[in-house]
């Protein structure tokens, strides 16, 4: 039985996101303030940012009806605000993963070549998804290095 394009993109999302999710249970509240350099973003900020971007992507690119407020994007992007507890950050990332996965899974075969416009410009949906997958992988790598080598 052959997989649809949508099934393949859901599988890519699931597999790619493991770079972020496979170590999230290791973090605790004290880890969230870790950073690699005094001017670098904290681990908590990077994790919250990933969740917020995934939710915004599900909402603005895939059209999901979501209520959310971003604190790490736009004028607040550089703020060193409280990101919440480790449990709150994990809950946000669980929600963002669930919402974006559902948005991907809801696409029909023809939807993947449809052009979408967002802050990154106009791209076919399949290329826009690639941008999000690489964004998550990029920050997941930064965050894991921060967890491993950063200091509070």
N, C-alpha and C. Protein backbone atom coordinates (compact mmCIF):
# COMPACT_ATOMS: atom_id res chain seq x y z
N UNK A 1 0.85 -1.18 0.00
CA UNK A 1 0.00 0.00 0.00
C UNK A 1 0.90 1.24 0.00
N UNK A 2 0.62 2.15 -0.90
CA UNK A 2 1.48 3.34 -0.98
C UNK A 2 0.93 4.46 -0.11
N UNK A 3 1.87 5.23 0.42
CA UNK A 3 1.49 6.35 1.28
C UNK A 3 1.16 7.57 0.43
N UNK A 4 0.25 8.39 0.94
CA UNK A 4 -0.04 9.65 0.28
C UNK A 4 1.06 10.65 0.61
N UNK A 5 1.10 11.73 -0.13
CA UNK A 5 2.04 12.80 0.16
C UNK A 5 1.83 13.30 1.58
N UNK A 6 0.58 13.47 1.97
CA UNK A 6 0.28 13.95 3.32
C UNK A 6 0.80 12.98 4.37
N UNK A 7 0.59 11.68 4.17
CA UNK A 7 1.10 10.69 5.12
C UNK A 7 2.62 10.78 5.24
N UNK A 8 3.30 11.00 4.12
CA UNK A 8 4.77 11.12 4.15
C UNK A 8 5.19 12.37 4.90
N UNK A 9 4.46 13.49 4.73
CA UNK A 9 4.82 14.72 5.45
C UNK A 9 4.53 14.60 6.95
N UNK A 10 3.47 13.90 7.31
CA UNK A 10 3.21 13.65 8.74
C UNK A 10 4.35 12.83 9.33
N UNK A 11 4.80 11.80 8.61
CA UNK A 11 5.90 10.96 9.08
C UNK A 11 7.19 11.78 9.19
N UNK A 12 7.45 12.66 8.23
CA UNK A 12 8.63 13.54 8.30
C UNK A 12 8.55 14.45 9.51
N UNK A 13 7.38 15.01 9.75
CA UNK A 13 7.20 15.88 10.91
C UNK A 13 7.46 15.10 12.19
N UNK A 14 6.83 13.93 12.31
CA UNK A 14 6.99 13.12 13.52
C UNK A 14 8.46 12.78 13.76
N UNK A 15 9.14 12.33 12.73
CA UNK A 15 10.54 11.93 12.88
C UNK A 15 11.44 13.14 13.15
N UNK A 16 11.24 14.22 12.42
CA UNK A 16 12.07 15.40 12.59
C UNK A 16 11.90 16.03 13.96
N UNK A 17 10.72 15.99 14.49
CA UNK A 17 10.46 16.64 15.78
C UNK A 17 11.05 15.87 16.95
N UNK A 18 11.44 14.62 16.73
CA UNK A 18 12.08 13.88 17.81
C UNK A 18 13.39 14.54 18.25
N UNK A 19 14.02 15.31 17.38
CA UNK A 19 15.24 16.02 17.74
C UNK A 19 14.97 17.00 18.87
N UNK A 20 13.74 17.41 19.00
CA UNK A 20 13.32 18.30 20.08
C UNK A 20 12.73 17.52 21.25
N UNK A 21 11.87 16.60 20.97
CA UNK A 21 11.07 15.98 22.04
C UNK A 21 11.77 14.87 22.80
N UNK A 22 12.79 14.26 22.23
CA UNK A 22 13.39 13.08 22.88
C UNK A 22 14.09 13.40 24.20
N UNK A 23 14.39 14.66 24.47
CA UNK A 23 15.10 15.01 25.71
C UNK A 23 14.34 16.00 26.59
N UNK A 24 13.14 16.36 26.21
CA UNK A 24 12.39 17.36 26.98
C UNK A 24 12.08 16.93 28.41
N UNK A 25 11.89 15.67 28.62
CA UNK A 25 11.59 15.21 29.99
C UNK A 25 12.77 15.38 30.94
N UNK A 26 13.97 15.60 30.39
CA UNK A 26 15.17 15.79 31.22
C UNK A 26 15.22 17.16 31.88
N UNK A 27 14.50 18.14 31.34
CA UNK A 27 14.66 19.51 31.84
C UNK A 27 13.83 19.74 33.09
N UNK A 28 14.35 20.61 33.96
CA UNK A 28 13.60 21.04 35.12
C UNK A 28 13.61 22.57 35.15
N UNK A 29 12.94 23.13 36.11
CA UNK A 29 12.79 24.59 36.17
C UNK A 29 14.13 25.32 36.18
N UNK A 30 15.11 24.77 36.88
CA UNK A 30 16.42 25.43 36.97
C UNK A 30 17.13 25.45 35.62
N UNK A 31 16.89 24.45 34.78
CA UNK A 31 17.54 24.38 33.47
C UNK A 31 17.09 25.50 32.54
N UNK A 32 15.88 26.01 32.74
CA UNK A 32 15.32 26.99 31.81
C UNK A 32 16.15 28.27 31.72
N UNK A 33 16.89 28.60 32.75
CA UNK A 33 17.69 29.83 32.73
C UNK A 33 19.10 29.61 32.15
N UNK A 34 19.41 28.38 31.76
CA UNK A 34 20.73 28.12 31.17
C UNK A 34 20.90 28.87 29.86
N UNK A 35 22.13 29.31 29.61
CA UNK A 35 22.47 29.95 28.33
C UNK A 35 23.94 29.66 28.05
N UNK A 36 24.28 29.71 26.76
CA UNK A 36 25.66 29.43 26.35
C UNK A 36 26.57 30.63 26.51
N UNK A 37 25.99 31.80 26.54
CA UNK A 37 26.74 33.06 26.61
C UNK A 37 25.84 34.06 27.31
N UNK A 38 26.41 35.03 28.02
CA UNK A 38 25.55 36.01 28.71
C UNK A 38 24.57 36.75 27.80
N UNK A 39 24.91 36.90 26.53
CA UNK A 39 24.01 37.59 25.59
C UNK A 39 23.09 36.64 24.82
N UNK A 40 23.23 35.34 25.04
CA UNK A 40 22.42 34.36 24.31
C UNK A 40 21.05 34.21 24.96
N UNK A 41 20.10 33.73 24.18
CA UNK A 41 18.79 33.42 24.73
C UNK A 41 18.88 32.22 25.67
N UNK A 42 17.98 32.17 26.62
CA UNK A 42 17.96 31.06 27.57
C UNK A 42 17.34 29.83 26.92
N UNK A 43 17.59 28.69 27.54
CA UNK A 43 16.98 27.44 27.11
C UNK A 43 15.46 27.57 27.11
N UNK A 44 14.91 28.13 28.17
CA UNK A 44 13.47 28.30 28.26
C UNK A 44 12.91 29.16 27.15
N UNK A 45 13.62 30.25 26.82
CA UNK A 45 13.18 31.13 25.74
C UNK A 45 13.16 30.39 24.42
N UNK A 46 14.22 29.62 24.14
CA UNK A 46 14.28 28.89 22.86
C UNK A 46 13.16 27.86 22.75
N UNK A 47 12.89 27.16 23.84
CA UNK A 47 11.82 26.16 23.81
C UNK A 47 10.46 26.82 23.63
N UNK A 48 10.21 27.90 24.37
CA UNK A 48 8.95 28.62 24.22
C UNK A 48 8.82 29.15 22.79
N UNK A 49 9.90 29.69 22.26
CA UNK A 49 9.91 30.23 20.89
C UNK A 49 9.52 29.13 19.88
N UNK A 50 10.09 27.96 20.03
CA UNK A 50 9.74 26.87 19.12
C UNK A 50 8.26 26.57 19.17
N UNK A 51 7.71 26.47 20.36
CA UNK A 51 6.28 26.19 20.49
C UNK A 51 5.43 27.29 19.88
N UNK A 52 5.79 28.54 20.14
CA UNK A 52 5.02 29.65 19.59
C UNK A 52 5.08 29.69 18.07
N UNK A 53 6.24 29.44 17.50
CA UNK A 53 6.36 29.44 16.04
C UNK A 53 5.54 28.31 15.43
N UNK A 54 5.56 27.14 16.05
CA UNK A 54 4.75 26.04 15.52
C UNK A 54 3.26 26.38 15.57
N UNK A 55 2.81 26.98 16.66
CA UNK A 55 1.40 27.37 16.75
C UNK A 55 1.06 28.44 15.73
N UNK A 56 1.91 29.44 15.59
CA UNK A 56 1.66 30.47 14.58
C UNK A 56 1.65 29.89 13.17
N UNK A 57 2.52 28.95 12.93
CA UNK A 57 2.57 28.31 11.63
C UNK A 57 1.28 27.54 11.36
N UNK A 58 0.82 26.78 12.36
CA UNK A 58 -0.44 26.05 12.20
C UNK A 58 -1.59 27.02 11.94
N UNK A 59 -1.56 28.15 12.60
CA UNK A 59 -2.62 29.15 12.47
C UNK A 59 -2.52 29.94 11.17
N UNK A 60 -1.37 30.54 10.91
CA UNK A 60 -1.24 31.48 9.80
C UNK A 60 -0.96 30.83 8.45
N UNK A 61 -0.32 29.68 8.43
CA UNK A 61 0.00 29.02 7.17
C UNK A 61 -1.04 27.96 6.83
N UNK A 62 -1.43 27.17 7.82
CA UNK A 62 -2.39 26.10 7.59
C UNK A 62 -3.83 26.51 7.88
N UNK A 63 -4.04 27.67 8.51
CA UNK A 63 -5.39 28.18 8.73
C UNK A 63 -6.13 27.57 9.89
N UNK A 64 -5.42 26.98 10.86
CA UNK A 64 -6.10 26.43 12.04
C UNK A 64 -6.62 27.56 12.92
N UNK A 65 -7.78 27.36 13.49
CA UNK A 65 -8.40 28.34 14.37
C UNK A 65 -7.83 28.17 15.77
N UNK A 66 -6.80 28.94 16.07
CA UNK A 66 -6.10 28.82 17.34
C UNK A 66 -6.07 30.15 18.06
N UNK A 67 -6.23 30.07 19.37
CA UNK A 67 -6.09 31.24 20.22
C UNK A 67 -4.72 31.13 20.89
N UNK A 68 -3.85 32.05 20.56
CA UNK A 68 -2.52 32.03 21.17
C UNK A 68 -1.89 33.40 21.09
N UNK A 69 -0.99 33.67 22.04
CA UNK A 69 -0.27 34.93 22.06
C UNK A 69 1.21 34.64 22.08
N UNK A 70 1.92 35.19 21.12
CA UNK A 70 3.37 34.97 21.05
C UNK A 70 4.09 36.03 21.88
N UNK A 71 5.05 35.57 22.68
CA UNK A 71 5.86 36.49 23.48
C UNK A 71 7.31 36.50 23.04
N UNK A 72 7.69 35.60 22.13
CA UNK A 72 9.09 35.50 21.70
C UNK A 72 9.28 35.92 20.25
N UNK A 73 8.25 36.50 19.66
CA UNK A 73 8.28 36.86 18.25
C UNK A 73 7.86 38.32 18.12
N UNK A 74 8.43 39.01 17.15
CA UNK A 74 8.08 40.41 16.94
C UNK A 74 8.76 41.31 17.94
N UNK A 75 8.05 42.33 18.43
CA UNK A 75 8.69 43.29 19.33
C UNK A 75 9.17 42.69 20.64
N UNK A 76 8.65 41.52 21.01
CA UNK A 76 9.05 40.87 22.26
C UNK A 76 10.18 39.86 22.06
N UNK A 77 10.66 39.70 20.84
CA UNK A 77 11.59 38.61 20.52
C UNK A 77 12.85 38.61 21.37
N UNK A 78 13.36 39.74 21.72
CA UNK A 78 14.60 39.77 22.48
C UNK A 78 14.40 39.87 23.97
N UNK A 79 13.16 39.92 24.40
CA UNK A 79 12.88 40.11 25.83
C UNK A 79 13.30 38.87 26.62
N UNK A 80 13.80 39.10 27.80
CA UNK A 80 14.20 37.99 28.67
C UNK A 80 13.13 37.77 29.72
N UNK A 81 11.91 37.60 29.26
CA UNK A 81 10.78 37.45 30.17
C UNK A 81 10.74 36.07 30.79
N UNK A 82 9.91 35.94 31.81
CA UNK A 82 9.68 34.66 32.44
C UNK A 82 8.97 33.78 31.42
N UNK A 83 9.48 32.58 31.21
CA UNK A 83 8.89 31.68 30.22
C UNK A 83 7.96 30.65 30.85
N UNK A 84 7.82 30.70 32.17
CA UNK A 84 7.00 29.73 32.87
C UNK A 84 7.85 28.60 33.40
N UNK A 85 7.20 27.58 33.90
CA UNK A 85 7.89 26.42 34.46
C UNK A 85 8.26 25.44 33.36
N UNK A 86 9.10 24.49 33.69
CA UNK A 86 9.46 23.45 32.73
C UNK A 86 8.21 22.69 32.29
N UNK A 87 7.31 22.44 33.21
CA UNK A 87 6.07 21.74 32.86
C UNK A 87 5.21 22.58 31.91
N UNK A 88 5.15 23.88 32.13
CA UNK A 88 4.39 24.76 31.22
C UNK A 88 5.01 24.79 29.84
N UNK A 89 6.33 24.81 29.77
CA UNK A 89 7.01 24.80 28.47
C UNK A 89 6.75 23.48 27.76
N UNK A 90 6.84 22.36 28.48
CA UNK A 90 6.55 21.05 27.87
C UNK A 90 5.10 20.99 27.37
N UNK A 91 4.18 21.54 28.17
CA UNK A 91 2.77 21.54 27.77
C UNK A 91 2.58 22.36 26.50
N UNK A 92 3.23 23.52 26.41
CA UNK A 92 3.16 24.34 25.19
C UNK A 92 3.68 23.55 24.00
N UNK A 93 4.83 22.89 24.15
CA UNK A 93 5.42 22.13 23.04
C UNK A 93 4.58 20.92 22.66
N UNK A 94 3.93 20.31 23.64
CA UNK A 94 3.01 19.21 23.31
C UNK A 94 1.83 19.74 22.50
N UNK A 95 1.30 20.88 22.92
CA UNK A 95 0.17 21.48 22.20
C UNK A 95 0.59 21.88 20.79
N UNK A 96 1.73 22.55 20.67
CA UNK A 96 2.14 23.03 19.35
C UNK A 96 2.41 21.85 18.41
N UNK A 97 3.02 20.80 18.92
CA UNK A 97 3.26 19.62 18.09
C UNK A 97 1.96 18.96 17.65
N UNK A 98 1.03 18.85 18.58
CA UNK A 98 -0.27 18.25 18.28
C UNK A 98 -1.03 19.07 17.24
N UNK A 99 -1.04 20.42 17.40
CA UNK A 99 -1.77 21.29 16.48
C UNK A 99 -1.15 21.29 15.09
N UNK A 100 0.18 21.38 15.03
CA UNK A 100 0.82 21.41 13.72
C UNK A 100 0.70 20.05 13.03
N UNK A 101 0.83 18.98 13.77
CA UNK A 101 0.66 17.65 13.18
C UNK A 101 -0.75 17.49 12.61
N UNK A 102 -1.76 17.94 13.35
CA UNK A 102 -3.14 17.85 12.87
C UNK A 102 -3.34 18.71 11.62
N UNK A 103 -2.70 19.87 11.58
CA UNK A 103 -2.81 20.74 10.41
C UNK A 103 -2.19 20.08 9.19
N UNK A 104 -1.05 19.44 9.37
CA UNK A 104 -0.39 18.74 8.26
C UNK A 104 -1.27 17.59 7.79
N UNK A 105 -1.78 16.81 8.74
CA UNK A 105 -2.58 15.63 8.42
C UNK A 105 -3.89 15.98 7.71
N UNK A 106 -4.38 17.19 7.89
CA UNK A 106 -5.65 17.60 7.29
C UNK A 106 -5.52 18.01 5.83
N UNK A 107 -4.33 18.06 5.30
CA UNK A 107 -4.13 18.52 3.92
C UNK A 107 -4.44 17.42 2.92
N UNK A 108 -5.06 17.84 1.82
CA UNK A 108 -5.30 16.92 0.71
C UNK A 108 -4.09 16.88 -0.22
N UNK A 109 -4.07 15.94 -1.08
CA UNK A 109 -2.94 15.74 -1.99
C UNK A 109 -2.61 17.01 -2.78
N UNK A 110 -3.62 17.70 -3.28
CA UNK A 110 -3.39 18.89 -4.10
C UNK A 110 -2.96 20.11 -3.28
N UNK A 111 -3.20 20.10 -1.99
CA UNK A 111 -2.88 21.25 -1.16
C UNK A 111 -1.38 21.55 -1.09
N UNK A 112 -0.54 20.54 -1.26
CA UNK A 112 0.89 20.71 -1.04
C UNK A 112 1.56 21.61 -2.07
N UNK A 113 0.93 21.78 -3.23
CA UNK A 113 1.51 22.69 -4.24
C UNK A 113 0.84 24.07 -4.22
N UNK A 114 -0.19 24.21 -3.38
CA UNK A 114 -0.86 25.51 -3.22
C UNK A 114 0.11 26.52 -2.63
N UNK A 115 0.08 27.75 -3.15
CA UNK A 115 0.97 28.79 -2.63
C UNK A 115 0.37 29.45 -1.40
N UNK A 116 1.23 29.67 -0.42
CA UNK A 116 0.83 30.34 0.81
C UNK A 116 1.76 31.54 1.02
N UNK A 117 1.21 32.56 1.64
CA UNK A 117 1.99 33.76 1.91
C UNK A 117 2.01 34.01 3.41
N UNK A 118 3.19 34.22 3.93
CA UNK A 118 3.38 34.53 5.35
C UNK A 118 4.59 35.45 5.44
N UNK A 119 5.10 35.63 6.66
CA UNK A 119 6.22 36.55 6.85
C UNK A 119 7.46 36.15 6.08
N UNK A 120 7.55 34.91 5.60
CA UNK A 120 8.69 34.44 4.82
C UNK A 120 8.51 34.64 3.33
N UNK A 121 7.38 35.18 2.91
CA UNK A 121 7.10 35.38 1.49
C UNK A 121 6.06 34.40 1.00
N UNK A 122 6.05 34.15 -0.30
CA UNK A 122 5.09 33.25 -0.92
C UNK A 122 5.82 32.00 -1.40
N UNK A 123 5.33 30.85 -0.95
CA UNK A 123 5.94 29.57 -1.27
C UNK A 123 4.86 28.51 -1.43
N UNK A 124 5.16 27.43 -2.16
CA UNK A 124 4.24 26.29 -2.13
C UNK A 124 4.19 25.76 -0.68
N UNK A 125 3.06 25.23 -0.29
CA UNK A 125 2.88 24.75 1.09
C UNK A 125 3.96 23.76 1.49
N UNK A 126 4.36 22.88 0.58
CA UNK A 126 5.39 21.89 0.92
C UNK A 126 6.72 22.56 1.26
N UNK A 127 7.06 23.65 0.60
CA UNK A 127 8.29 24.37 0.91
C UNK A 127 8.16 25.17 2.21
N UNK A 128 6.97 25.70 2.45
CA UNK A 128 6.74 26.40 3.71
C UNK A 128 6.88 25.43 4.89
N UNK A 129 6.37 24.21 4.73
CA UNK A 129 6.53 23.21 5.77
C UNK A 129 8.01 22.92 6.02
N UNK A 130 8.79 22.85 4.96
CA UNK A 130 10.23 22.61 5.11
C UNK A 130 10.87 23.71 5.93
N UNK A 131 10.45 24.95 5.74
CA UNK A 131 10.97 26.06 6.55
C UNK A 131 10.69 25.82 8.03
N UNK A 132 9.47 25.38 8.33
CA UNK A 132 9.14 25.15 9.74
C UNK A 132 9.93 23.98 10.32
N UNK A 133 10.07 22.91 9.56
CA UNK A 133 10.81 21.75 10.05
C UNK A 133 12.26 22.11 10.33
N UNK A 134 12.87 22.90 9.46
CA UNK A 134 14.27 23.28 9.70
C UNK A 134 14.37 24.29 10.84
N UNK A 135 13.36 25.15 11.02
CA UNK A 135 13.35 26.08 12.15
C UNK A 135 13.36 25.30 13.46
N UNK A 136 12.49 24.31 13.56
CA UNK A 136 12.41 23.50 14.77
C UNK A 136 13.73 22.77 15.01
N UNK A 137 14.30 22.18 13.97
CA UNK A 137 15.55 21.45 14.12
C UNK A 137 16.69 22.38 14.54
N UNK A 138 16.73 23.56 13.96
CA UNK A 138 17.77 24.54 14.28
C UNK A 138 17.74 24.90 15.77
N UNK A 139 16.57 25.29 16.25
CA UNK A 139 16.46 25.68 17.65
C UNK A 139 16.55 24.48 18.59
N UNK A 140 16.11 23.31 18.15
CA UNK A 140 16.26 22.11 18.98
C UNK A 140 17.74 21.83 19.22
N UNK A 141 18.56 21.99 18.20
CA UNK A 141 19.99 21.80 18.36
C UNK A 141 20.60 22.82 19.31
N UNK A 142 20.22 24.08 19.13
CA UNK A 142 20.70 25.13 20.04
C UNK A 142 20.29 24.83 21.47
N UNK A 143 19.03 24.46 21.64
CA UNK A 143 18.50 24.23 22.98
C UNK A 143 19.20 23.04 23.64
N UNK A 144 19.42 21.98 22.89
CA UNK A 144 20.08 20.82 23.49
C UNK A 144 21.52 21.13 23.86
N UNK A 145 22.22 21.88 23.02
CA UNK A 145 23.58 22.30 23.38
C UNK A 145 23.57 23.18 24.64
N UNK A 146 22.56 24.03 24.74
CA UNK A 146 22.44 24.88 25.92
C UNK A 146 22.18 24.05 27.16
N UNK A 147 21.32 23.05 27.05
CA UNK A 147 21.07 22.16 28.18
C UNK A 147 22.36 21.43 28.59
N UNK A 148 23.09 20.97 27.61
CA UNK A 148 24.28 20.17 27.88
C UNK A 148 25.46 21.00 28.39
N UNK A 149 25.68 22.18 27.80
CA UNK A 149 26.89 22.95 28.12
C UNK A 149 26.65 24.31 28.73
N UNK A 150 25.41 24.76 28.77
CA UNK A 150 25.13 26.11 29.26
C UNK A 150 25.17 26.21 30.78
N UNK A 151 25.22 27.44 31.22
CA UNK A 151 25.18 27.69 32.66
C UNK A 151 24.07 28.68 32.97
N UNK A 152 23.63 28.66 34.21
CA UNK A 152 22.53 29.53 34.62
C UNK A 152 23.04 30.92 34.94
